[in-house]
C-alpha atoms as a PDB file:
ATOM      1  CA  MET A   1      -3.530 -33.929 -18.377  1.00  0.00           C
ATOM      2  CA  CYS A   2      -6.553 -31.567 -19.350  1.00  0.00           C
ATOM      3  CA  LEU A   3      -8.065 -32.765 -16.161  1.00  0.00           C
ATOM      4  CA  ALA A   4      -5.278 -31.857 -13.991  1.00  0.00           C
ATOM      5  CA  LEU A   5      -5.096 -28.366 -15.540  1.00  0.00           C
ATOM      6  CA  TRP A   6      -9.003 -27.671 -14.748  1.00  0.00           C
ATOM      7  CA  ALA A   7      -8.479 -29.184 -11.318  1.00  0.00           C
ATOM      8  CA  SER A   8      -5.422 -26.793 -10.832  1.00  0.00           C
ATOM      9  CA  ALA A   9      -7.473 -23.579 -12.278  1.00  0.00           C
ATOM     10  CA  LEU A  10     -10.642 -24.447 -10.124  1.00  0.00           C
ATOM     11  CA  SER A  11      -8.212 -24.434  -6.968  1.00  0.00           C
ATOM     12  CA  ALA A  12      -7.008 -20.790  -8.164  1.00  0.00           C
ATOM     13  CA  GLN A  13     -10.194 -19.429  -7.914  1.00  0.00           C
ATOM     14  CA  THR A  14     -10.707 -16.637  -5.532  1.00  0.00           C
ATOM     15  CA  HIS A  15     -13.524 -15.028  -3.791  1.00  0.00           C
ATOM     16  CA  TRP A  16     -12.977 -11.473  -5.382  1.00  0.00           C
ATOM     17  CA  SER A  17     -11.656 -10.839  -9.124  1.00  0.00           C
ATOM     18  CA  VAL A  18     -10.101  -7.943 -10.627  1.00  0.00           C
ATOM     19  CA  ASN A  19      -9.257  -7.558 -14.660  1.00  0.00           C
ATOM     20  CA  PRO A  20      -5.840  -5.879 -14.752  1.00  0.00           C
ATOM     21  CA  HIS A  21      -6.415  -4.974 -18.412  1.00  0.00           C
ATOM     22  CA  ASP A  22      -9.148  -2.618 -17.490  1.00  0.00           C
ATOM     23  CA  TYR A  23      -6.749  -0.353 -15.864  1.00  0.00           C
ATOM     24  CA  GLN A  24      -3.817   1.969 -16.701  1.00  0.00           C
ATOM     25  CA  TYR A  25      -1.505   1.966 -13.668  1.00  0.00           C
ATOM     26  CA  ASP A  26      -0.842  -0.095 -10.860  1.00  0.00           C
ATOM     27  CA  MET A  27       1.289  -0.100  -7.689  1.00  0.00           C
ATOM     28  CA  SER A  28       2.523  -3.018  -5.303  1.00  0.00           C
ATOM     29  CA  VAL A  29       1.436  -3.913  -1.869  1.00  0.00           C
ATOM     30  CA  TYR A  30       3.784  -6.599   0.330  1.00  0.00           C
ATOM     31  CA  TYR A  31       1.551  -7.414   3.320  1.00  0.00           C
ATOM     32  CA  SER A  32       1.385  -9.818   6.575  1.00  0.00           C
ATOM     33  CA  LEU A  33      -1.567 -10.065   8.778  1.00  0.00           C
ATOM     34  CA  SER A  34      -1.779 -10.299  12.349  1.00  0.00           C
ATOM     35  CA  ASN A  35      -4.145 -10.331  15.161  1.00  0.00           C
ATOM     36  CA  GLY A  36      -3.102  -7.637  17.491  1.00  0.00           C
ATOM     37  CA  GLU A  37       0.572  -8.711  18.226  1.00  0.00           C
ATOM     38  CA  THR A  38       0.490 -12.290  17.133  1.00  0.00           C
ATOM     39  CA  PRO A  39       1.064 -12.840  13.270  1.00  0.00           C
ATOM     40  CA  VAL A  40      -1.875 -14.862  12.066  1.00  0.00           C
ATOM     41  CA  GLY A  41      -0.976 -18.760  11.911  1.00  0.00           C
ATOM     42  CA  ASN A  42      -1.381 -19.837   8.289  1.00  0.00           C
ATOM     43  CA  LEU A  43      -1.473 -16.332   5.853  1.00  0.00           C
ATOM     44  CA  SER A  44      -3.098 -18.872   2.866  1.00  0.00           C
ATOM     45  CA  ASP A  45      -6.051 -19.156   5.053  1.00  0.00           C
ATOM     46  CA  TYR A  46      -6.898 -15.205   3.994  1.00  0.00           C
ATOM     47  CA  GLU A  47      -7.805 -13.682   1.017  1.00  0.00           C
ATOM     48  CA  VAL A  48      -7.101 -10.004   0.931  1.00  0.00           C
ATOM     49  CA  ALA A  49      -8.010  -7.397  -1.844  1.00  0.00           C
ATOM     50  CA  ALA A  50      -7.972  -3.936  -2.309  1.00  0.00           C
ATOM     51  CA  PHE A  51     -11.132  -1.585  -3.053  1.00  0.00           C
ATOM     52  CA  VAL A  52     -11.721   1.645  -3.984  1.00  0.00           C
ATOM     53  CA  GLY A  53     -15.007   2.211  -2.915  1.00  0.00           C
ATOM     54  CA  ASN A  54     -16.955  -0.824  -3.704  1.00  0.00           C
ATOM     55  CA  VAL A  55     -14.904  -1.876  -6.748  1.00  0.00           C
ATOM     56  CA  CYS A  56     -12.093  -4.791  -6.235  1.00  0.00           C
ATOM     57  CA  ARG A  57      -8.798  -3.202  -7.598  1.00  0.00           C
ATOM     58  CA  GLY A  58      -6.521  -6.194  -6.710  1.00  0.00           C
ATOM     59  CA  VAL A  59      -6.469  -9.617  -5.215  1.00  0.00           C
ATOM     60  CA  GLY A  60      -3.616 -10.836  -2.926  1.00  0.00           C
ATOM     61  CA  LYS A  61      -1.774 -14.124  -3.053  1.00  0.00           C
ATOM     62  CA  VAL A  62       0.693 -15.643  -0.899  1.00  0.00           C
ATOM     63  CA  GLU A  63       4.285 -15.781  -1.745  1.00  0.00           C
ATOM     64  CA  THR A  64       7.366 -17.677  -0.435  1.00  0.00           C
ATOM     65  CA  GLN A  65      11.052 -16.926  -1.204  1.00  0.00           C
ATOM     66  CA  THR A  66      14.552 -17.952   0.338  1.00  0.00           C
ATOM     67  CA  GLY A  67      16.362 -15.058   1.689  1.00  0.00           C
ATOM     68  CA  THR A  68      20.228 -14.910   1.287  1.00  0.00           C
ATOM     69  CA  ASN A  69      20.934 -16.301   4.989  1.00  0.00           C
ATOM     70  CA  GLY A  70      18.903 -19.328   4.169  1.00  0.00           C
ATOM     71  CA  THR A  71      15.500 -18.040   5.949  1.00  0.00           C
ATOM     72  CA  THR A  72      12.315 -18.372   4.136  1.00  0.00           C
ATOM     73  CA  LEU A  73      10.019 -15.194   3.676  1.00  0.00           C
ATOM     74  CA  THR A  74       6.447 -16.004   3.502  1.00  0.00           C
ATOM     75  CA  TYR A  75       4.534 -12.440   2.739  1.00  0.00           C
ATOM     76  CA  GLY A  76       1.246 -11.556   0.950  1.00  0.00           C
ATOM     77  CA  PHE A  77       1.948  -9.377  -2.445  1.00  0.00           C
ATOM     78  CA  LEU A  78      -1.112  -7.482  -4.054  1.00  0.00           C
ATOM     79  CA  LYS A  79      -1.093  -5.320  -7.195  1.00  0.00           C
ATOM     80  CA  VAL A  80      -3.594  -2.687  -6.783  1.00  0.00           C
ATOM     81  CA  TYR A  81      -4.936  -1.474 -10.448  1.00  0.00           C
ATOM     82  CA  SER A  82      -6.188   2.451 -11.068  1.00  0.00           C
ATOM     83  CA  ASN A  83      -6.945   4.371 -14.198  1.00  0.00           C
ATOM     84  CA  VAL A  84      -6.061   7.632 -12.134  1.00  0.00           C
ATOM     85  CA  ALA A  85      -2.068   7.974 -11.591  1.00  0.00           C
ATOM     86  CA  SER A  86      -2.345   9.052  -8.240  1.00  0.00           C
ATOM     87  CA  GLY A  87      -4.621  10.165  -5.175  1.00  0.00           C
ATOM     88  CA  GLU A  88      -7.293   7.313  -5.009  1.00  0.00           C
ATOM     89  CA  THR A  89      -8.285   6.268  -1.379  1.00  0.00           C
ATOM     90  CA  VAL A  90      -7.249   2.613  -1.439  1.00  0.00           C
ATOM     91  CA  THR A  91      -9.338   0.149   1.552  1.00  0.00           C
ATOM     92  CA  PHE A  92      -8.874  -3.475   2.127  1.00  0.00           C
ATOM     93  CA  LYS A  93     -11.012  -6.338   2.902  1.00  0.00           C
ATOM     94  CA  TYR A  94     -10.245 -10.258   4.025  1.00  0.00           C
ATOM     95  CA  TYR A  95     -12.020 -13.190   3.263  1.00  0.00           C
ATOM     96  CA  LEU A  96     -12.203 -16.092   5.889  1.00  0.00           C
ATOM     97  CA  ASN A  97     -14.523 -19.074   6.601  1.00  0.00           C
ATOM     98  CA  GLY A  98     -16.883 -17.915   3.893  1.00  0.00           C
ATOM     99  CA  GLN A  99     -17.137 -14.208   5.734  1.00  0.00           C
ATOM    100  CA  GLU A 100     -15.770 -11.063   4.551  1.00  0.00           C
ATOM    101  CA  LYS A 101     -14.479  -8.395   6.551  1.00  0.00           C
ATOM    102  CA  PRO A 102     -13.249  -4.838   6.116  1.00  0.00           C
ATOM    103  CA  ILE A 103      -9.638  -4.707   7.650  1.00  0.00           C
ATOM    104  CA  SER A 104     -10.355  -1.239   9.414  1.00  0.00           C
ATOM    105  CA  GLY A 105      -7.461   1.248   9.952  1.00  0.00           C
ATOM    106  CA  GLN A 106      -5.762   0.315   6.976  1.00  0.00           C
ATOM    107  CA  VAL A 107      -5.992   2.996   4.373  1.00  0.00           C
ATOM    108  CA  ILE A 108      -3.324   3.962   1.657  1.00  0.00           C
ATOM    109  CA  SER A 109      -3.409   6.797  -1.387  1.00  0.00           C
ATOM    110  CA  PHE A 110      -3.007   5.156  -4.539  1.00  0.00           C
ATOM    111  CA  VAL A 111       0.371   6.188  -6.316  1.00  0.00           C
ATOM    112  CA  ASN A 112       1.412   4.718  -9.974  1.00  0.00           C
ATOM    113  CA  LEU A 113       4.208   2.353  -9.873  1.00  0.00           C
ATOM    114  CA  GLY A 114       4.376   3.103  -5.931  1.00  0.00           C
ATOM    115  CA  LEU A 115       5.556   0.389  -3.082  1.00  0.00           C
ATOM    116  CA  GLU A 116       3.504  -0.198   0.323  1.00  0.00           C
ATOM    117  CA  GLY A 117       5.760  -2.818   2.380  1.00  0.00           C
ATOM    118  CA  LEU A 118       9.009  -4.866   0.855  1.00  0.00           C
ATOM    119  CA  PRO A 119       8.803  -8.542   1.293  1.00  0.00           C
ATOM    120  CA  SER A 120      11.428  -8.430   4.115  1.00  0.00           C
ATOM    121  CA  ASN A 121       9.479  -5.936   6.109  1.00  0.00           C
ATOM    122  CA  PRO A 122       5.727  -5.957   4.750  1.00  0.00           C
ATOM    123  CA  HIS A 123       2.870  -3.708   5.539  1.00  0.00           C
ATOM    124  CA  VAL A 124       1.156  -5.246   8.658  1.00  0.00           C
ATOM    125  CA  PHE A 125      -2.705  -5.329   8.016  1.00  0.00           C
ATOM    126  CA  ASN A 126      -4.131  -5.791  11.804  1.00  0.00           C
ATOM    127  CA  LEU A 127      -7.264  -7.923  11.833  1.00  0.00           C
ATOM    128  CA  GLU A 128      -8.245  -6.969  15.483  1.00  0.00           C
ATOM    129  CA  VAL A 129      -9.072  -3.138  14.859  1.00  0.00           C
ATOM    130  CA  THR A 130     -12.758  -2.734  15.595  1.00  0.00           C
ATOM    131  CA  TYR A 131     -13.393   0.216  14.138  1.00  0.00           C
ATOM    132  CA  ILE A 132     -13.786   1.519  10.320  1.00  0.00           C
ATOM    133  CA  LEU A 133     -11.252   4.168   9.586  1.00  0.00           C
ATOM    134  CA  GLY A 134     -13.613   7.259   8.523  1.00  0.00           C
ATOM    135  CA  ASP A 135     -16.483   5.773  10.577  1.00  0.00           C
ATOM    136  CA  VAL A 136     -16.287   8.415  13.543  1.00  0.00           C
ATOM    137  CA  ASP A 137     -19.600   7.840  14.768  1.00  0.00           C
ATOM    138  CA  GLY A 138     -19.480   3.880  14.654  1.00  0.00           C
ATOM    139  CA  ASP A 139     -22.553   3.391  12.906  1.00  0.00           C
ATOM    140  CA  GLY A 140     -21.048   1.239  10.318  1.00  0.00           C
ATOM    141  CA  GLU A 141     -20.955   3.734   7.306  1.00  0.00           C
ATOM    142  CA  ILE A 142     -19.076   6.747   6.256  1.00  0.00           C
ATOM    143  CA  THR A 143     -21.356   9.461   5.607  1.00  0.00           C
ATOM    144  CA  ILE A 144     -21.659  13.664   6.143  1.00  0.00           C
ATOM    145  CA  ASN A 145     -22.273  13.174   9.843  1.00  0.00           C
ATOM    146  CA  ASP A 146     -18.564  11.746   9.908  1.00  0.00           C
ATOM    147  CA  VAL A 147     -17.374  14.267   8.275  1.00  0.00           C
ATOM    148  CA  ILE A 148     -19.310  17.044  10.453  1.00  0.00           C
ATOM    149  CA  MET A 149     -18.376  15.394  13.872  1.00  0.00           C
ATOM    150  CA  THR A 150     -14.391  15.727  12.318  1.00  0.00           C
ATOM    151  CA  ILE A 151     -14.673  19.200  11.427  1.00  0.00           C
ATOM    152  CA  ASN A 152     -16.092  19.981  14.723  1.00  0.00           C
ATOM    153  CA  ALA A 153     -13.129  17.639  16.492  1.00  0.00           C
ATOM    154  CA  SER A 154     -10.546  19.698  14.485  1.00  0.00           C
ATOM    155  CA  LEU A 155     -11.526  22.892  16.069  1.00  0.00           C
ATOM    156  CA  GLY A 156     -11.444  21.453  19.647  1.00  0.00           C
ATOM    157  CA  ASN A 157     -15.227  20.491  19.636  1.00  0.00           C
ATOM    158  CA  PRO A 158     -15.455  16.834  19.639  1.00  0.00           C
ATOM    159  CA  SER A 159     -18.900  14.804  20.272  1.00  0.00           C
ATOM    160  CA  ALA A 160     -19.072  12.688  23.304  1.00  0.00           C
ATOM    161  CA  ALA A 161     -19.582   9.654  20.655  1.00  0.00           C
ATOM    162  CA  PHE A 162     -16.586  10.505  18.323  1.00  0.00           C
ATOM    163  CA  ASN A 163     -13.971   8.047  17.951  1.00  0.00           C
ATOM    164  CA  ALA A 164     -10.434  10.048  17.272  1.00  0.00           C
ATOM    165  CA  ALA A 165      -8.932   6.504  16.088  1.00  0.00           C
ATOM    166  CA  ALA A 166     -11.361   6.357  13.469  1.00  0.00           C
ATOM    167  CA  ALA A 167     -10.746  10.085  12.157  1.00  0.00           C
ATOM    168  CA  ASP A 168      -7.196  10.175  12.209  1.00  0.00           C
ATOM    169  CA  LEU A 169      -6.610   8.970   8.465  1.00  0.00           C
ATOM    170  CA  ASP A 170      -3.364  10.382   7.850  1.00  0.00           C
ATOM    171  CA  GLY A 171      -1.998   8.682  11.116  1.00  0.00           C
ATOM    172  CA  ASP A 172      -0.012  11.630  12.495  1.00  0.00           C
ATOM    173  CA  GLY A 173      -1.875  11.562  15.944  1.00  0.00           C
ATOM    174  CA  GLU A 174      -3.808  14.755  15.257  1.00  0.00           C
ATOM    175  CA  ILE A 175      -7.487  15.567  13.775  1.00  0.00           C
ATOM    176  CA  THR A 176      -6.675  18.023  11.040  1.00  0.00           C
ATOM    177  CA  ILE A 177      -8.239  19.354   8.005  1.00  0.00           C
ATOM    178  CA  ASN A 178      -6.180  16.790   6.048  1.00  0.00           C
ATOM    179  CA  ASP A 179      -8.381  13.950   8.090  1.00  0.00           C
ATOM    180  CA  VAL A 180     -11.466  15.776   7.108  1.00  0.00           C
ATOM    181  CA  ILE A 181     -11.081  16.096   3.324  1.00  0.00           C
ATOM    182  CA  LYS A 182      -9.676  12.267   3.494  1.00  0.00           C
ATOM    183  CA  ILE A 183     -13.081  11.661   5.173  1.00  0.00           C
ATOM    184  CA  ILE A 184     -15.024  13.644   2.296  1.00  0.00           C
ATOM    185  CA  ASN A 185     -13.314  11.327  -0.055  1.00  0.00           C
ATOM    186  CA  LEU A 186     -14.058   8.181   1.507  1.00  0.00           C
ATOM    187  CA  THR A 187     -18.066   9.435   1.373  1.00  0.00           C
ATOM    188  CA  LEU A 188     -17.432  10.591  -2.312  1.00  0.00           C
ATOM    189  CA  GLN A 189     -16.326   7.155  -3.171  1.00  0.00           C
ATOM    190  CA  ASN A 190     -19.341   5.211  -1.601  1.00  0.00           C
END
């Protein structure tokens, strides 16, 4: 009996960890994963985690439930934890086959008791995005240079190396002072 419990505990270990008792606040994220337009084959193959800066703030798990019409819903669920009631920028990473990778282009703002997605309509994390949100110069880091380039673009003077998709943090299709502020916040968290 003890051996079975020990084996079960080992199989439940994850690449990342977080102690929820270290935090006062939480929010829920229901998610699915896709490669472009195609949902991933087996969601259980992927481990997904939430981060503020480089600190893990939540680790996802796969859940399955039967809907009222008999259909089976499979989705990822994670609690994101914080000691600040709102406003922290949350990014995501996934772990697959021994490799840890960012889920680019996926940023949410933490809100205590907030909800992102639903089991029947989960937030879709696209794993094929090839840039890091906020990294407008494409050097793999979010730095003051990204802030300066975004300011210039918001004033109508984008440089040739400027990635507008990486700069549009609020997702409104425009590069504005709101995007500049979000990129500044990302540089302060790194």
